[in-house]
Amino acid sequence: MAVTIKDVARLAGVSQSSVCRALADPARVRPETRERVERAAGELGYHPNRVARSLITGRTLNIGVVLPDLANPFFPSVVKSIQTRAREFDYAVFLSDTDEDPAVEVPAIRALAKQVDGFLLCSPRAPDEDLRSNAYEKPIVVLNRRVRPFPSVTADSADGMRQAVAHLHALGHRSLAYVAGPRTSWSNRDRLRGLRAATAARGMTLVEAGNVAPTVDGGAAAADLVLATHATAVLAYNDLTALGLIQRFHARGVAVPEHISVVGFDDILVAALVGPPLTTVAIAKEQIGRVGVDLLLELMADRDSTGTARRVLPTQLIVRGSTGPAPV
């Protein structure tokens, strides 16, 4: 037979209501009572019913995650780390993919609002004012972007671009192209800001080849324009864009890196498996998700606890076979 709260209460020598409080809201009971209940529950193998716990605490024990494109390998890595960290605190994760459509993000937040205790918004594309319109309904932490007044977790993209430019400069490159991501992407603007500063500091020429979809097809579509710039190296908004560039270069008989070097951003799994392996700026994807959950849990416990906290995580250039000396 299934173990019940009554069984736990009998073994712990406390009331059933004390068991409910100890398991659902430990701060409301004395430490010694909580320890007795937890010990009894462990001995009996009792696992509290999530629905019952939500009725007692007024919390759903769910976290909402809204992201632009689950098909992009960057986001599954972040989501996996979110789920792992949330599970440690007995939270489930509800996921919404907006398919890179900024107009879908706010309706997605509103649709999930009654089912979750708080939100992690991964690389949201909607305007700041649209996101702020939902600021006080449920706690929100933003990943891979900064939107006041929300706490945020971002990567140091500017330093990542500085590392990439220094690497290319050391290889003799003096003319670079950049294939940008979505116009609505905060990360794209941040990376471009760092790239402009780094190339200017070294007296290098930078040609901005326009905005494309952050996909393999988007990169392939930009490849001919990149070749027309006569740049000896190209940096891409993300790894998928970089892989699309390489694919099109190969189709045109342009050797990488002998004729042109290519640098991506994100360090997704496939970046190391293609030919040539992709030089890229690695982001701590798992750490972004884990830190985001921690900030959100703090914020849900105390709406004033994190304020406008910002966590900036380091990036690291991973040098592989897609970059080489500038052609003579």
Foldseek 3Di string as FASTA:
>chain_A
DADDLVQLCVQLVHDSVLLLCLVLPVVVDDPVSNVSSVVSCVVRVDDDDQVSSCVVPVFLLEEEEEEADPVPLLVVLLVVLLQVLSVVVPHHYDYHHNNNDLVVVLVVCVVCLVNHQEYEYEQHLHDLVSVVVCPPSHQYEYEQAAHPFHAYEHAQLLVLLLVVLVVQVVLPFQEEEEEFEDPSGRLRVNNVVSNVVNSVVVVGHYHYQYYFHQALCRLLVSQVVRVVVQGQEYEYSADRSQNSNCVNCVVVVNDFNQRHFYEGEACRPCQVVDVFRHWYKHDPSSVSSNVRSVVSVQCSVPVPRQGHHYHYHYIHTDDTRRDHHGHD
